[in-house]
Amino acid sequence: MKKFIFFILKILIAALIFGAFIIGFFILKGQVMFQDALKEHPIEEKVAEIRAKDNYTYLEEVPQVYKDAVVAVEDHRFYSHNGVDNFAIVAAIINNLNQGKLYQGGSTITQQICKNVYFSQDRTLERKFAEMFMAMEFEKLYSKDEILEIYINTCFYGNNCDTLKEATRLYYDKEPMELTDYEAILIAGIPNAPSLYNPIHSMELAKQRQKQVLIAMVDEGFLTKEEKDRILQSESE
């Protein structure tokens, strides 16, 4: 029996060593990918390009309820992490193991910017590590509000809209600050899957996603349940 236990322990130790080696290999590849991307296009240069966009949307032009919705549903620890949310990563690893594939990445708002601006959408480990390194570098250079502003100007909202101002004008013929709470929260849900959740493609799916955003806002303390219900009932206003 003891021999069998020792044999199992050896197998487990070997598996851990092998796993650590594989992870280390991908971390190294991610570091190289990050350094190459940064050398080709420094972060300040990329941000200057984003800020030069037509219809660039400044954070002071955006209603607070929209900002709260984005943080609640995309990255509820946004104001407390350094660009990488370790808790979200652990949860994503568990979910990925359950799914048997790289299904979730635990990406923060900052990581999503880096993915949209620097890297492909491919779900590879080296790209994920490169994205994490870039996100931490991003957070050294910009405040949280600056990062949130960059985020709303690098999301895709469907139908060729890649700034919030373009999305609000297309879907509601309004400037961002003119949106009702109902409209702002619906638009906040679009970037998760723009081809599905934009209201031109399917208002039904857009509303389903909006309800998910509202639930997240209640869970994170941005809204009470009564306020959530009031917003849902305000559709026709």
C-alpha atoms as a PDB file:
ATOM      1  CA  MET A   1       0.000   0.000   0.000  1.00  0.00           C
ATOM      2  CA  LYS A   2       2.848   2.384   0.893  1.00  0.00           C
ATOM      3  CA  LYS A   3       4.535   1.677  -2.441  1.00  0.00           C
ATOM      4  CA  PHE A   4       1.324   2.510  -4.247  1.00  0.00           C
ATOM      5  CA  ILE A   5       0.957   5.813  -2.330  1.00  0.00           C
ATOM      6  CA  PHE A   6       4.563   6.759  -3.078  1.00  0.00           C
ATOM      7  CA  PHE A   7       3.979   5.899  -6.736  1.00  0.00           C
ATOM      8  CA  ILE A   8       0.918   8.175  -6.879  1.00  0.00           C
ATOM      9  CA  LEU A   9       2.856  10.967  -5.145  1.00  0.00           C
ATOM     10  CA  LYS A  10       5.654  10.665  -7.700  1.00  0.00           C
ATOM     11  CA  ILE A  11       3.143  10.879 -10.522  1.00  0.00           C
ATOM     12  CA  LEU A  12       1.557  13.979  -8.981  1.00  0.00           C
ATOM     13  CA  ILE A  13       4.915  15.666  -8.413  1.00  0.00           C
ATOM     14  CA  ALA A  14       5.988  14.889 -11.971  1.00  0.00           C
ATOM     15  CA  ALA A  15       2.708  16.288 -13.287  1.00  0.00           C
ATOM     16  CA  LEU A  16       3.156  19.478 -11.252  1.00  0.00           C
ATOM     17  CA  ILE A  17       6.726  19.936 -12.496  1.00  0.00           C
ATOM     18  CA  PHE A  18       5.658  19.325 -16.072  1.00  0.00           C
ATOM     19  CA  GLY A  19       2.726  21.733 -15.682  1.00  0.00           C
ATOM     20  CA  ALA A  20       4.966  24.419 -14.217  1.00  0.00           C
ATOM     21  CA  PHE A  21       7.397  23.960 -17.122  1.00  0.00           C
ATOM     22  CA  ILE A  22       4.599  24.333 -19.689  1.00  0.00           C
ATOM     23  CA  ILE A  23       3.170  27.436 -17.974  1.00  0.00           C
ATOM     24  CA  GLY A  24       6.667  28.929 -17.751  1.00  0.00           C
ATOM     25  CA  PHE A  25       7.163  28.318 -21.455  1.00  0.00           C
ATOM     26  CA  PHE A  26       3.974  30.197 -22.333  1.00  0.00           C
ATOM     27  CA  ILE A  27       4.781  33.019 -19.898  1.00  0.00           C
ATOM     28  CA  LEU A  28       8.132  33.460 -21.651  1.00  0.00           C
ATOM     29  CA  LYS A  29       6.458  33.473 -25.071  1.00  0.00           C
ATOM     30  CA  GLY A  30       3.929  36.000 -23.787  1.00  0.00           C
ATOM     31  CA  GLN A  31       6.710  38.221 -22.457  1.00  0.00           C
ATOM     32  CA  VAL A  32       8.413  38.196 -25.862  1.00  0.00           C
ATOM     33  CA  MET A  33       5.108  38.963 -27.616  1.00  0.00           C
ATOM     34  CA  PHE A  34       4.481  41.845 -25.203  1.00  0.00           C
ATOM     35  CA  GLN A  35       7.968  43.317 -25.644  1.00  0.00           C
ATOM     36  CA  ASP A  36       7.764  43.076 -29.445  1.00  0.00           C
ATOM     37  CA  ALA A  37       4.354  44.790 -29.503  1.00  0.00           C
ATOM     38  CA  LEU A  38       5.536  47.534 -27.159  1.00  0.00           C
ATOM     39  CA  LYS A  39       8.697  48.141 -29.170  1.00  0.00           C
ATOM     40  CA  GLU A  40       6.722  48.445 -32.416  1.00  0.00           C
ATOM     41  CA  HIS A  41       4.017  50.711 -30.949  1.00  0.00           C
ATOM     42  CA  PRO A  42       4.596  52.355 -27.531  1.00  0.00           C
ATOM     43  CA  ILE A  43       1.476  52.673 -25.412  1.00  0.00           C
ATOM     44  CA  GLU A  44       1.495  56.491 -25.513  1.00  0.00           C
ATOM     45  CA  GLU A  45       1.522  56.343 -29.310  1.00  0.00           C
ATOM     46  CA  LYS A  46      -1.427  53.970 -29.392  1.00  0.00           C
ATOM     47  CA  VAL A  47      -3.409  56.120 -26.960  1.00  0.00           C
ATOM     48  CA  ALA A  48      -2.716  59.234 -29.042  1.00  0.00           C
ATOM     49  CA  GLU A  49      -4.147  57.411 -32.088  1.00  0.00           C
ATOM     50  CA  ILE A  50      -7.264  56.456 -30.134  1.00  0.00           C
ATOM     51  CA  ARG A  51      -7.786  59.998 -28.865  1.00  0.00           C
ATOM     52  CA  ALA A  52      -7.491  61.331 -32.412  1.00  0.00           C
ATOM     53  CA  LYS A  53     -10.518  59.298 -33.553  1.00  0.00           C
ATOM     54  CA  ASP A  54     -13.520  61.030 -35.027  1.00  0.00           C
ATOM     55  CA  ASN A  55     -16.342  60.939 -32.451  1.00  0.00           C
ATOM     56  CA  TYR A  56     -13.945  60.236 -29.586  1.00  0.00           C
ATOM     57  CA  THR A  57     -16.076  60.197 -26.433  1.00  0.00           C
ATOM     58  CA  TYR A  58     -14.760  61.920 -23.303  1.00  0.00           C
ATOM     59  CA  LEU A  59     -15.696  60.474 -19.945  1.00  0.00           C
ATOM     60  CA  GLU A  60     -17.401  63.694 -18.836  1.00  0.00           C
ATOM     61  CA  GLU A  61     -19.785  63.232 -21.797  1.00  0.00           C
ATOM     62  CA  VAL A  62     -20.963  59.886 -20.415  1.00  0.00           C
ATOM     63  CA  PRO A  63     -23.766  59.381 -17.841  1.00  0.00           C
ATOM     64  CA  GLN A  64     -22.718  57.846 -14.535  1.00  0.00           C
ATOM     65  CA  VAL A  65     -25.167  54.976 -14.931  1.00  0.00           C
ATOM     66  CA  TYR A  66     -23.363  53.879 -18.109  1.00  0.00           C
ATOM     67  CA  LYS A  67     -19.978  53.908 -16.344  1.00  0.00           C
ATOM     68  CA  ASP A  68     -21.442  51.944 -13.438  1.00  0.00           C
ATOM     69  CA  ALA A  69     -22.981  49.412 -15.821  1.00  0.00           C
ATOM     70  CA  VAL A  70     -19.684  48.823 -17.639  1.00  0.00           C
ATOM     71  CA  VAL A  71     -17.724  48.321 -14.428  1.00  0.00           C
ATOM     72  CA  ALA A  72     -20.390  46.062 -12.901  1.00  0.00           C
ATOM     73  CA  VAL A  73     -20.682  43.707 -15.850  1.00  0.00           C
ATOM     74  CA  GLU A  74     -17.156  43.785 -17.296  1.00  0.00           C
ATOM     75  CA  ASP A  75     -14.793  44.198 -14.354  1.00  0.00           C
ATOM     76  CA  HIS A  76     -16.309  44.822 -10.920  1.00  0.00           C
ATOM     77  CA  ARG A  77     -12.879  45.009  -9.239  1.00  0.00           C
ATOM     78  CA  PHE A  78     -11.683  47.563 -11.812  1.00  0.00           C
ATOM     79  CA  TYR A  79     -10.818  50.238  -9.260  1.00  0.00           C
ATOM     80  CA  SER A  80      -8.829  47.901  -6.993  1.00  0.00           C
ATOM     81  CA  HIS A  81      -6.579  45.810  -9.290  1.00  0.00           C
ATOM     82  CA  ASN A  82      -3.382  46.678 -11.161  1.00  0.00           C
ATOM     83  CA  GLY A  83      -4.657  45.664 -14.573  1.00  0.00           C
ATOM     84  CA  VAL A  84      -4.910  41.943 -13.809  1.00  0.00           C
ATOM     85  CA  ASP A  85      -7.608  40.480 -11.555  1.00  0.00           C
ATOM     86  CA  ASN A  86      -6.139  37.393  -9.895  1.00  0.00           C
ATOM     87  CA  PHE A  87      -9.502  36.321  -8.477  1.00  0.00           C
ATOM     88  CA  ALA A  88     -11.092  36.426 -11.935  1.00  0.00           C
ATOM     89  CA  ILE A  89      -8.205  34.439 -13.396  1.00  0.00           C
ATOM     90  CA  VAL A  90      -8.618  31.657 -10.824  1.00  0.00           C
ATOM     91  CA  ALA A  91     -12.369  31.541 -11.513  1.00  0.00           C
ATOM     92  CA  ALA A  92     -11.685  31.432 -15.258  1.00  0.00           C
ATOM     93  CA  ILE A  93      -9.192  28.575 -14.859  1.00  0.00           C
ATOM     94  CA  ILE A  94     -11.772  26.549 -12.945  1.00  0.00           C
ATOM     95  CA  ASN A  95     -14.408  27.234 -15.600  1.00  0.00           C
ATOM     96  CA  ASN A  96     -11.958  26.385 -18.384  1.00  0.00           C
ATOM     97  CA  LEU A  97     -11.133  23.057 -16.732  1.00  0.00           C
ATOM     98  CA  ASN A  98     -14.844  22.310 -16.494  1.00  0.00           C
ATOM     99  CA  GLN A  99     -15.306  23.229 -20.162  1.00  0.00           C
ATOM    100  CA  GLY A 100     -12.204  21.341 -21.264  1.00  0.00           C
ATOM    101  CA  LYS A 101     -10.934  24.286 -23.326  1.00  0.00           C
ATOM    102  CA  LEU A 102      -9.784  27.914 -23.110  1.00  0.00           C
ATOM    103  CA  TYR A 103     -13.294  29.299 -22.832  1.00  0.00           C
ATOM    104  CA  GLN A 104     -12.897  32.229 -20.437  1.00  0.00           C
ATOM    105  CA  GLY A 105      -9.915  34.439 -19.769  1.00  0.00           C
ATOM    106  CA  GLY A 106     -10.844  36.503 -16.721  1.00  0.00           C
ATOM    107  CA  SER A 107      -9.998  39.663 -18.654  1.00  0.00           C
ATOM    108  CA  THR A 108     -10.155  43.043 -16.956  1.00  0.00           C
ATOM    109  CA  ILE A 109     -11.225  46.241 -18.709  1.00  0.00           C
ATOM    110  CA  THR A 110      -7.535  47.118 -19.124  1.00  0.00           C
ATOM    111  CA  GLN A 111      -6.770  43.716 -20.632  1.00  0.00           C
ATOM    112  CA  GLN A 112      -9.655  44.104 -23.055  1.00  0.00           C
ATOM    113  CA  ILE A 113      -8.163  47.391 -24.263  1.00  0.00           C
ATOM    114  CA  CYS A 114      -4.833  45.664 -24.830  1.00  0.00           C
ATOM    115  CA  LYS A 115      -6.489  42.807 -26.688  1.00  0.00           C
ATOM    116  CA  ASN A 116      -8.443  45.196 -28.930  1.00  0.00           C
ATOM    117  CA  VAL A 117      -5.520  47.530 -29.594  1.00  0.00           C
ATOM    118  CA  TYR A 118      -2.477  45.263 -29.676  1.00  0.00           C
ATOM    119  CA  PHE A 119      -3.314  41.611 -30.041  1.00  0.00           C
ATOM    120  CA  SER A 120      -5.542  39.252 -31.986  1.00  0.00           C
ATOM    121  CA  GLN A 121      -8.728  37.710 -30.635  1.00  0.00           C
ATOM    122  CA  ASP A 122      -7.148  34.224 -30.702  1.00  0.00           C
ATOM    123  CA  ARG A 123      -7.550  32.369 -27.408  1.00  0.00           C
ATOM    124  CA  THR A 124      -3.962  31.273 -26.862  1.00  0.00           C
ATOM    125  CA  LEU A 125      -2.003  31.186 -23.627  1.00  0.00           C
ATOM    126  CA  GLU A 126       0.897  33.246 -24.928  1.00  0.00           C
ATOM    127  CA  ARG A 127      -1.465  35.984 -26.111  1.00  0.00           C
ATOM    128  CA  LYS A 128      -3.215  35.943 -22.739  1.00  0.00           C
ATOM    129  CA  PHE A 129       0.082  36.425 -20.896  1.00  0.00           C
ATOM    130  CA  ALA A 130       1.175  39.150 -23.336  1.00  0.00           C
ATOM    131  CA  GLU A 131      -2.133  40.897 -22.711  1.00  0.00           C
ATOM    132  CA  MET A 132      -1.590  40.697 -18.951  1.00  0.00           C
ATOM    133  CA  PHE A 133       1.915  42.191 -19.171  1.00  0.00           C
ATOM    134  CA  MET A 134       0.604  44.991 -21.399  1.00  0.00           C
ATOM    135  CA  ALA A 135      -2.307  45.702 -19.036  1.00  0.00           C
ATOM    136  CA  MET A 136       0.012  46.133 -16.060  1.00  0.00           C
ATOM    137  CA  GLU A 137       2.174  48.490 -18.103  1.00  0.00           C
ATOM    138  CA  PHE A 138      -0.940  50.437 -19.140  1.00  0.00           C
ATOM    139  CA  GLU A 139      -1.946  50.932 -15.511  1.00  0.00           C
ATOM    140  CA  LYS A 140       1.445  52.448 -14.685  1.00  0.00           C
ATOM    141  CA  LEU A 141       0.838  55.210 -17.236  1.00  0.00           C
ATOM    142  CA  TYR A 142      -2.845  56.091 -16.901  1.00  0.00           C
ATOM    143  CA  SER A 143      -5.416  56.642 -14.167  1.00  0.00           C
ATOM    144  CA  LYS A 144      -8.478  54.430 -13.839  1.00  0.00           C
ATOM    145  CA  ASP A 145     -10.742  57.119 -15.309  1.00  0.00           C
ATOM    146  CA  GLU A 146      -8.382  57.571 -18.269  1.00  0.00           C
ATOM    147  CA  ILE A 147      -8.403  53.815 -18.832  1.00  0.00           C
ATOM    148  CA  LEU A 148     -12.206  53.658 -18.654  1.00  0.00           C
ATOM    149  CA  GLU A 149     -12.386  56.486 -21.202  1.00  0.00           C
ATOM    150  CA  ILE A 150      -9.991  54.653 -23.519  1.00  0.00           C
ATOM    151  CA  TYR A 151     -12.067  51.500 -23.097  1.00  0.00           C
ATOM    152  CA  ILE A 152     -15.322  53.089 -24.281  1.00  0.00           C
ATOM    153  CA  ASN A 153     -13.456  54.289 -27.365  1.00  0.00           C
ATOM    154  CA  THR A 154     -11.932  50.924 -28.252  1.00  0.00           C
ATOM    155  CA  CYS A 155     -14.984  48.686 -27.794  1.00  0.00           C
ATOM    156  CA  PHE A 156     -16.932  47.488 -30.792  1.00  0.00           C
ATOM    157  CA  TYR A 157     -20.656  48.205 -30.547  1.00  0.00           C
ATOM    158  CA  GLY A 158     -21.701  46.588 -33.824  1.00  0.00           C
ATOM    159  CA  ASN A 159     -22.576  48.136 -37.182  1.00  0.00           C
ATOM    160  CA  ASN A 160     -19.191  49.891 -37.610  1.00  0.00           C
ATOM    161  CA  CYS A 161     -19.470  51.733 -34.281  1.00  0.00           C
ATOM    162  CA  ASP A 162     -16.203  51.719 -32.335  1.00  0.00           C
ATOM    163  CA  THR A 163     -16.811  54.635 -29.982  1.00  0.00           C
ATOM    164  CA  LEU A 164     -19.685  55.138 -27.577  1.00  0.00           C
ATOM    165  CA  LYS A 165     -20.744  58.350 -29.302  1.00  0.00           C
ATOM    166  CA  GLU A 166     -21.127  56.536 -32.624  1.00  0.00           C
ATOM    167  CA  ALA A 167     -23.227  53.847 -30.943  1.00  0.00           C
ATOM    168  CA  THR A 168     -25.596  56.250 -29.174  1.00  0.00           C
ATOM    169  CA  ARG A 169     -26.119  58.256 -32.346  1.00  0.00           C
ATOM    170  CA  LEU A 170     -26.845  55.170 -34.431  1.00  0.00           C
ATOM    171  CA  TYR A 171     -29.097  53.285 -32.023  1.00  0.00           C
ATOM    172  CA  TYR A 172     -30.916  56.179 -30.345  1.00  0.00           C
ATOM    173  CA  ASP A 173     -30.078  59.305 -32.360  1.00  0.00           C
ATOM    174  CA  LYS A 174     -28.773  60.885 -29.133  1.00  0.00           C
ATOM    175  CA  GLU A 175     -25.557  62.094 -27.601  1.00  0.00           C
ATOM    176  CA  PRO A 176     -24.311  59.866 -24.736  1.00  0.00           C
ATOM    177  CA  MET A 177     -25.409  62.241 -21.966  1.00  0.00           C
ATOM    178  CA  GLU A 178     -28.948  62.364 -23.398  1.00  0.00           C
ATOM    179  CA  LEU A 179     -29.516  58.629 -22.923  1.00  0.00           C
ATOM    180  CA  THR A 180     -32.102  57.399 -20.468  1.00  0.00           C
ATOM    181  CA  ASP A 181     -30.931  54.892 -17.868  1.00  0.00           C
ATOM    182  CA  TYR A 182     -32.695  52.168 -19.850  1.00  0.00           C
ATOM    183  CA  GLU A 183     -30.873  53.071 -23.072  1.00  0.00           C
ATOM    184  CA  ALA A 184     -27.473  53.533 -21.423  1.00  0.00           C
ATOM    185  CA  ILE A 185     -27.603  50.111 -19.782  1.00  0.00           C
ATOM    186  CA  LEU A 186     -28.721  48.414 -22.972  1.00  0.00           C
ATOM    187  CA  ILE A 187     -25.760  49.889 -24.868  1.00  0.00           C
ATOM    188  CA  ALA A 188     -23.377  48.910 -22.051  1.00  0.00           C
ATOM    189  CA  GLY A 189     -24.206  45.277 -22.751  1.00  0.00           C
ATOM    190  CA  ILE A 190     -23.432  45.335 -26.470  1.00  0.00           C
ATOM    191  CA  PRO A 191     -19.590  44.947 -26.493  1.00  0.00           C
ATOM    192  CA  ASN A 192     -19.772  41.477 -24.928  1.00  0.00           C
ATOM    193  CA  ALA A 193     -21.034  40.143 -28.280  1.00  0.00           C
ATOM    194  CA  PRO A 194     -21.674  43.065 -30.675  1.00  0.00           C
ATOM    195  CA  SER A 195     -23.003  41.019 -33.567  1.00  0.00           C
ATOM    196  CA  LEU A 196     -25.645  39.466 -31.293  1.00  0.00           C
ATOM    197  CA  TYR A 197     -26.515  42.160 -28.784  1.00  0.00           C
ATOM    198  CA  ASN A 198     -26.799  45.270 -30.930  1.00  0.00           C
ATOM    199  CA  PRO A 199     -30.483  46.255 -31.180  1.00  0.00           C
ATOM    200  CA  ILE A 200     -30.491  46.415 -34.976  1.00  0.00           C
ATOM    201  CA  HIS A 201     -29.596  42.749 -35.171  1.00  0.00           C
ATOM    202  CA  SER A 202     -31.966  41.654 -32.407  1.00  0.00           C
ATOM    203  CA  MET A 203     -33.749  43.839 -29.886  1.00  0.00           C
ATOM    204  CA  GLU A 204     -34.810  40.691 -28.038  1.00  0.00           C
ATOM    205  CA  LEU A 205     -31.200  39.569 -27.494  1.00  0.00           C
ATOM    206  CA  ALA A 206     -30.172  43.137 -26.631  1.00  0.00           C
ATOM    207  CA  LYS A 207     -32.823  43.196 -23.894  1.00  0.00           C
ATOM    208  CA  GLN A 208     -31.736  39.800 -22.579  1.00  0.00           C
ATOM    209  CA  ARG A 209     -28.199  41.103 -22.241  1.00  0.00           C
ATOM    210  CA  GLN A 210     -29.491  44.319 -20.674  1.00  0.00           C
ATOM    211  CA  LYS A 211     -31.157  42.255 -17.924  1.00  0.00           C
ATOM    212  CA  GLN A 212     -27.831  40.526 -17.250  1.00  0.00           C
ATOM    213  CA  VAL A 213     -26.166  43.924 -16.892  1.00  0.00           C
ATOM    214  CA  LEU A 214     -28.892  45.112 -14.515  1.00  0.00           C
ATOM    215  CA  ILE A 215     -28.517  42.006 -12.345  1.00  0.00           C
ATOM    216  CA  ALA A 216     -24.752  42.615 -12.176  1.00  0.00           C
ATOM    217  CA  MET A 217     -25.396  46.238 -11.153  1.00  0.00           C
ATOM    218  CA  VAL A 218     -27.638  45.098  -8.308  1.00  0.00           C
ATOM    219  CA  ASP A 219     -25.140  42.422  -7.233  1.00  0.00           C
ATOM    220  CA  GLU A 220     -22.318  44.985  -7.134  1.00  0.00           C
ATOM    221  CA  GLY A 221     -24.357  47.596  -5.269  1.00  0.00           C
ATOM    222  CA  PHE A 222     -24.741  50.134  -8.076  1.00  0.00           C
ATOM    223  CA  LEU A 223     -28.534  49.762  -8.060  1.00  0.00           C
ATOM    224  CA  THR A 224     -31.192  48.516  -5.699  1.00  0.00           C
ATOM    225  CA  LYS A 225     -33.639  45.885  -6.904  1.00  0.00           C
ATOM    226  CA  GLU A 226     -36.349  48.563  -6.903  1.00  0.00           C
ATOM    227  CA  GLU A 227     -34.228  50.823  -9.123  1.00  0.00           C
ATOM    228  CA  LYS A 228     -33.583  47.896 -11.472  1.00  0.00           C
ATOM    229  CA  ASP A 229     -37.301  47.222 -11.762  1.00  0.00           C
ATOM    230  CA  ARG A 230     -38.025  50.915 -12.341  1.00  0.00           C
ATOM    231  CA  ILE A 231     -35.476  51.056 -15.173  1.00  0.00           C
ATOM    232  CA  LEU A 232     -36.972  48.001 -16.852  1.00  0.00           C
ATOM    233  CA  GLN A 233     -40.434  49.508 -16.621  1.00  0.00           C
ATOM    234  CA  SER A 234     -39.235  52.787 -18.158  1.00  0.00           C
ATOM    235  CA  GLU A 235     -38.752  51.358 -21.674  1.00  0.00           C
ATOM    236  CA  SER A 236     -41.669  53.259 -23.152  1.00  0.00           C
ATOM    237  CA  GLU A 237     -40.756  56.616 -21.609  1.00  0.00           C
END
